[in-house]
Amino acid sequence: MAEKQYNWAAIAKNPKFIELHHKKSAFLFGWWIFSSVYYFLLPIGAAYAPGLFKIKIISNINFGYIFALSQFFVSWGIAMYYAHVANKDFDRLTRELVEEVSK
């Protein structure tokens, strides 16, 4: 059975594809900026504000350890939020585009 050939240039100009690409790019760029700033706050903060990172929070656990561990939770939170937005918006737009292109 022959595989269907798609006109990729026409798909790239399709308003639904443009909307999908714009929404996805804006979402990812914003969270990339946030993630990068949050990630680099650890080494920058440790270098330029060591007093802050040495503050004891619980017993021998200081602010630096808490902040470093928080990066895992923030990453997981961003991943869960991305999955939610992708399932809600990106998948819907992709489905609509595929339906339109498959006609």
N, C-alpha and C. Protein backbone atom coordinates (compact mmCIF):
# COMPACT_ATOMS: atom_id res chain seq x y z
N MET A 1 0.84 -1.17 0.00
CA MET A 1 0.00 0.00 0.00
C MET A 1 0.90 1.25 0.00
N ALA A 2 0.60 2.18 -0.86
CA ALA A 2 1.42 3.38 -1.00
C ALA A 2 1.14 4.34 0.16
N GLU A 3 2.19 4.94 0.63
CA GLU A 3 2.07 5.90 1.71
C GLU A 3 1.63 7.25 1.14
N LYS A 4 0.74 7.94 1.87
CA LYS A 4 0.23 9.23 1.41
C LYS A 4 1.34 10.28 1.48
N GLN A 5 1.46 11.06 0.43
CA GLN A 5 2.44 12.14 0.38
C GLN A 5 1.77 13.45 0.81
N TYR A 6 2.44 14.18 1.66
CA TYR A 6 1.91 15.45 2.16
C TYR A 6 2.66 16.61 1.53
N ASN A 7 1.95 17.70 1.34
CA ASN A 7 2.55 18.93 0.85
C ASN A 7 3.03 19.72 2.07
N TRP A 8 4.28 19.50 2.46
CA TRP A 8 4.81 20.10 3.68
C TRP A 8 4.87 21.62 3.59
N ALA A 9 5.08 22.17 2.43
CA ALA A 9 5.11 23.63 2.29
C ALA A 9 3.74 24.22 2.59
N ALA A 10 2.69 23.53 2.12
CA ALA A 10 1.33 23.99 2.39
C ALA A 10 1.00 23.85 3.88
N ILE A 11 1.46 22.78 4.49
CA ILE A 11 1.22 22.58 5.93
C ILE A 11 1.91 23.69 6.72
N ALA A 12 3.12 24.04 6.34
CA ALA A 12 3.87 25.09 7.05
C ALA A 12 3.17 26.45 6.95
N LYS A 13 2.39 26.66 5.89
CA LYS A 13 1.67 27.94 5.72
C LYS A 13 0.26 27.89 6.31
N ASN A 14 -0.18 26.71 6.74
CA ASN A 14 -1.52 26.54 7.29
C ASN A 14 -1.66 27.35 8.58
N PRO A 15 -2.75 28.12 8.73
CA PRO A 15 -2.94 28.95 9.94
C PRO A 15 -2.94 28.13 11.23
N LYS A 16 -3.46 26.91 11.19
CA LYS A 16 -3.46 26.06 12.39
C LYS A 16 -2.04 25.65 12.77
N PHE A 17 -1.22 25.35 11.77
CA PHE A 17 0.18 25.00 12.05
C PHE A 17 0.93 26.21 12.59
N ILE A 18 0.68 27.36 12.01
CA ILE A 18 1.34 28.59 12.46
C ILE A 18 0.95 28.89 13.91
N GLU A 19 -0.34 28.73 14.22
CA GLU A 19 -0.81 28.95 15.59
C GLU A 19 -0.16 27.96 16.56
N LEU A 20 -0.13 26.68 16.17
CA LEU A 20 0.49 25.65 17.00
C LEU A 20 1.96 25.96 17.24
N HIS A 21 2.67 26.28 16.17
CA HIS A 21 4.10 26.58 16.29
C HIS A 21 4.34 27.80 17.17
N HIS A 22 3.53 28.84 17.00
CA HIS A 22 3.68 30.05 17.80
C HIS A 22 3.42 29.77 19.28
N LYS A 23 2.32 29.07 19.57
CA LYS A 23 1.98 28.79 20.97
C LYS A 23 3.04 27.92 21.63
N LYS A 24 3.48 26.91 20.92
CA LYS A 24 4.47 26.01 21.48
C LYS A 24 5.81 26.73 21.68
N SER A 25 6.23 27.52 20.71
CA SER A 25 7.48 28.26 20.82
C SER A 25 7.45 29.26 21.97
N ALA A 26 6.34 29.99 22.09
CA ALA A 26 6.21 30.98 23.17
C ALA A 26 6.24 30.29 24.53
N PHE A 27 5.51 29.19 24.64
CA PHE A 27 5.48 28.44 25.89
C PHE A 27 6.87 27.93 26.26
N LEU A 28 7.53 27.28 25.32
CA LEU A 28 8.84 26.68 25.59
C LEU A 28 9.90 27.74 25.84
N PHE A 29 9.88 28.85 25.10
CA PHE A 29 10.88 29.89 25.30
C PHE A 29 10.75 30.50 26.69
N GLY A 30 9.53 30.79 27.10
CA GLY A 30 9.31 31.37 28.42
C GLY A 30 9.81 30.47 29.54
N TRP A 31 9.48 29.19 29.45
CA TRP A 31 9.92 28.26 30.48
C TRP A 31 11.41 27.97 30.39
N TRP A 32 11.99 28.06 29.21
CA TRP A 32 13.45 27.90 29.07
C TRP A 32 14.17 29.03 29.79
N ILE A 33 13.68 30.26 29.62
CA ILE A 33 14.27 31.42 30.30
C ILE A 33 14.17 31.23 31.81
N PHE A 34 12.97 30.90 32.29
CA PHE A 34 12.78 30.70 33.73
C PHE A 34 13.71 29.61 34.26
N SER A 35 13.77 28.49 33.56
CA SER A 35 14.60 27.35 34.00
C SER A 35 16.08 27.71 34.02
N SER A 36 16.52 28.43 33.01
CA SER A 36 17.93 28.81 32.95
C SER A 36 18.29 29.75 34.10
N VAL A 37 17.45 30.74 34.34
CA VAL A 37 17.71 31.68 35.44
C VAL A 37 17.70 30.93 36.77
N TYR A 38 16.70 30.07 36.96
CA TYR A 38 16.60 29.33 38.22
C TYR A 38 17.81 28.41 38.42
N TYR A 39 18.24 27.75 37.35
CA TYR A 39 19.40 26.86 37.43
C TYR A 39 20.67 27.63 37.80
N PHE A 40 20.91 28.74 37.13
CA PHE A 40 22.15 29.49 37.36
C PHE A 40 22.13 30.29 38.66
N LEU A 41 20.97 30.43 39.30
CA LEU A 41 20.95 31.09 40.59
C LEU A 41 21.73 30.30 41.64
N LEU A 42 21.78 28.98 41.50
CA LEU A 42 22.52 28.17 42.48
C LEU A 42 24.01 28.46 42.46
N PRO A 43 24.71 28.31 41.34
CA PRO A 43 26.15 28.60 41.39
C PRO A 43 26.46 30.08 41.59
N ILE A 44 25.64 30.94 41.01
CA ILE A 44 25.88 32.38 41.18
C ILE A 44 25.63 32.79 42.62
N GLY A 45 24.52 32.29 43.17
CA GLY A 45 24.21 32.59 44.57
C GLY A 45 25.25 32.05 45.52
N ALA A 46 25.72 30.84 45.27
CA ALA A 46 26.74 30.25 46.13
C ALA A 46 28.05 31.03 46.06
N ALA A 47 28.35 31.57 44.89
CA ALA A 47 29.60 32.34 44.73
C ALA A 47 29.49 33.74 45.31
N TYR A 48 28.38 34.43 45.07
CA TYR A 48 28.28 35.83 45.45
C TYR A 48 27.50 36.09 46.73
N ALA A 49 26.76 35.09 47.22
CA ALA A 49 26.02 35.25 48.48
C ALA A 49 26.21 34.00 49.35
N PRO A 50 27.45 33.66 49.68
CA PRO A 50 27.68 32.44 50.45
C PRO A 50 27.02 32.47 51.83
N GLY A 51 26.88 33.65 52.39
CA GLY A 51 26.22 33.76 53.69
C GLY A 51 24.79 33.28 53.64
N LEU A 52 24.09 33.63 52.59
CA LEU A 52 22.71 33.19 52.42
C LEU A 52 22.63 31.67 52.29
N PHE A 53 23.53 31.10 51.54
CA PHE A 53 23.49 29.67 51.29
C PHE A 53 23.97 28.85 52.49
N LYS A 54 24.58 29.51 53.47
CA LYS A 54 25.04 28.82 54.68
C LYS A 54 24.02 28.86 55.82
N ILE A 55 22.94 29.60 55.64
CA ILE A 55 21.94 29.72 56.70
C ILE A 55 21.33 28.34 56.98
N LYS A 56 21.39 27.93 58.25
CA LYS A 56 20.85 26.64 58.65
C LYS A 56 19.31 26.73 58.69
N ILE A 57 18.67 25.78 58.06
CA ILE A 57 17.20 25.74 58.04
C ILE A 57 16.71 24.70 59.06
N ILE A 58 17.16 23.46 58.90
CA ILE A 58 16.80 22.37 59.81
C ILE A 58 18.09 21.63 60.16
N SER A 59 18.49 21.66 61.40
CA SER A 59 19.69 20.96 61.86
C SER A 59 20.89 21.36 60.99
N ASN A 60 21.51 20.40 60.29
CA ASN A 60 22.66 20.71 59.44
C ASN A 60 22.28 20.99 57.99
N ILE A 61 21.00 21.03 57.71
CA ILE A 61 20.53 21.30 56.34
C ILE A 61 20.42 22.80 56.16
N ASN A 62 21.21 23.32 55.23
CA ASN A 62 21.22 24.77 55.02
C ASN A 62 20.41 25.17 53.78
N PHE A 63 20.31 26.47 53.58
CA PHE A 63 19.54 27.00 52.47
C PHE A 63 20.06 26.51 51.12
N GLY A 64 21.38 26.37 50.99
CA GLY A 64 21.97 25.89 49.74
C GLY A 64 21.48 24.51 49.37
N TYR A 65 21.43 23.59 50.35
CA TYR A 65 20.92 22.24 50.08
C TYR A 65 19.44 22.28 49.68
N ILE A 66 18.67 23.07 50.40
CA ILE A 66 17.24 23.18 50.10
C ILE A 66 17.04 23.74 48.69
N PHE A 67 17.80 24.77 48.36
CA PHE A 67 17.67 25.38 47.03
C PHE A 67 18.07 24.38 45.95
N ALA A 68 19.15 23.64 46.17
CA ALA A 68 19.59 22.65 45.19
C ALA A 68 18.54 21.57 45.01
N LEU A 69 17.97 21.08 46.09
CA LEU A 69 16.91 20.06 45.98
C LEU A 69 15.65 20.62 45.33
N SER A 70 15.39 21.89 45.55
CA SER A 70 14.19 22.50 44.95
C SER A 70 14.25 22.47 43.43
N GLN A 71 15.45 22.42 42.88
CA GLN A 71 15.58 22.40 41.42
C GLN A 71 14.97 21.13 40.84
N PHE A 72 15.07 20.01 41.56
CA PHE A 72 14.42 18.78 41.10
C PHE A 72 12.91 18.95 41.07
N PHE A 73 12.36 19.50 42.15
CA PHE A 73 10.91 19.66 42.23
C PHE A 73 10.39 20.67 41.22
N VAL A 74 11.15 21.72 41.00
CA VAL A 74 10.75 22.72 39.99
C VAL A 74 10.78 22.08 38.60
N SER A 75 11.80 21.28 38.32
CA SER A 75 11.88 20.58 37.01
C SER A 75 10.70 19.65 36.82
N TRP A 76 10.37 18.88 37.84
CA TRP A 76 9.22 17.97 37.74
C TRP A 76 7.93 18.76 37.56
N GLY A 77 7.81 19.86 38.29
CA GLY A 77 6.62 20.70 38.16
C GLY A 77 6.47 21.26 36.76
N ILE A 78 7.56 21.73 36.19
CA ILE A 78 7.53 22.25 34.82
C ILE A 78 7.16 21.14 33.84
N ALA A 79 7.72 19.94 34.03
CA ALA A 79 7.42 18.82 33.15
C ALA A 79 5.94 18.44 33.24
N MET A 80 5.39 18.42 34.45
CA MET A 80 3.97 18.08 34.61
C MET A 80 3.09 19.18 33.99
N TYR A 81 3.48 20.43 34.17
CA TYR A 81 2.71 21.52 33.58
C TYR A 81 2.78 21.46 32.05
N TYR A 82 3.95 21.15 31.51
CA TYR A 82 4.08 21.01 30.05
C TYR A 82 3.17 19.90 29.55
N ALA A 83 3.16 18.76 30.24
CA ALA A 83 2.31 17.64 29.83
C ALA A 83 0.84 18.06 29.85
N HIS A 84 0.45 18.83 30.86
CA HIS A 84 -0.93 19.31 30.95
C HIS A 84 -1.27 20.22 29.77
N VAL A 85 -0.41 21.19 29.51
CA VAL A 85 -0.67 22.13 28.41
C VAL A 85 -0.63 21.41 27.06
N ALA A 86 0.31 20.49 26.90
CA ALA A 86 0.40 19.74 25.64
C ALA A 86 -0.86 18.93 25.41
N ASN A 87 -1.34 18.25 26.45
CA ASN A 87 -2.55 17.44 26.31
C ASN A 87 -3.78 18.30 26.04
N LYS A 88 -3.82 19.47 26.64
CA LYS A 88 -4.99 20.34 26.52
C LYS A 88 -4.98 21.16 25.22
N ASP A 89 -3.86 21.79 24.90
CA ASP A 89 -3.81 22.72 23.78
C ASP A 89 -3.08 22.18 22.55
N PHE A 90 -1.85 21.76 22.73
CA PHE A 90 -1.03 21.36 21.58
C PHE A 90 -1.61 20.15 20.87
N ASP A 91 -2.08 19.16 21.64
CA ASP A 91 -2.66 17.97 21.01
C ASP A 91 -3.94 18.30 20.25
N ARG A 92 -4.76 19.19 20.83
CA ARG A 92 -5.99 19.60 20.15
C ARG A 92 -5.67 20.30 18.83
N LEU A 93 -4.73 21.22 18.85
CA LEU A 93 -4.34 21.93 17.63
C LEU A 93 -3.74 20.97 16.60
N THR A 94 -2.96 20.02 17.07
CA THR A 94 -2.36 19.03 16.16
C THR A 94 -3.44 18.17 15.54
N ARG A 95 -4.41 17.72 16.34
CA ARG A 95 -5.52 16.92 15.83
C ARG A 95 -6.30 17.68 14.76
N GLU A 96 -6.60 18.95 15.04
CA GLU A 96 -7.33 19.78 14.06
C GLU A 96 -6.53 19.93 12.78
N LEU A 97 -5.23 20.13 12.90
CA LEU A 97 -4.39 20.27 11.71
C LEU A 97 -4.35 18.97 10.90
N VAL A 98 -4.20 17.85 11.57
CA VAL A 98 -4.15 16.56 10.88
C VAL A 98 -5.47 16.29 10.17
N GLU A 99 -6.59 16.59 10.83
CA GLU A 99 -7.91 16.40 10.22
C GLU A 99 -8.04 17.26 8.97
N GLU A 100 -7.59 18.50 9.05
CA GLU A 100 -7.70 19.42 7.92
C GLU A 100 -6.80 18.98 6.76
N VAL A 101 -5.58 18.55 7.07
CA VAL A 101 -4.63 18.15 6.04
C VAL A 101 -5.03 16.82 5.40
N SER A 102 -5.68 15.95 6.17
CA SER A 102 -6.04 14.62 5.67
C SER A 102 -7.25 14.63 4.76
N LYS A 103 -7.96 15.73 4.66
CA LYS A 103 -9.16 15.80 3.81
C LYS A 103 -8.80 15.65 2.35
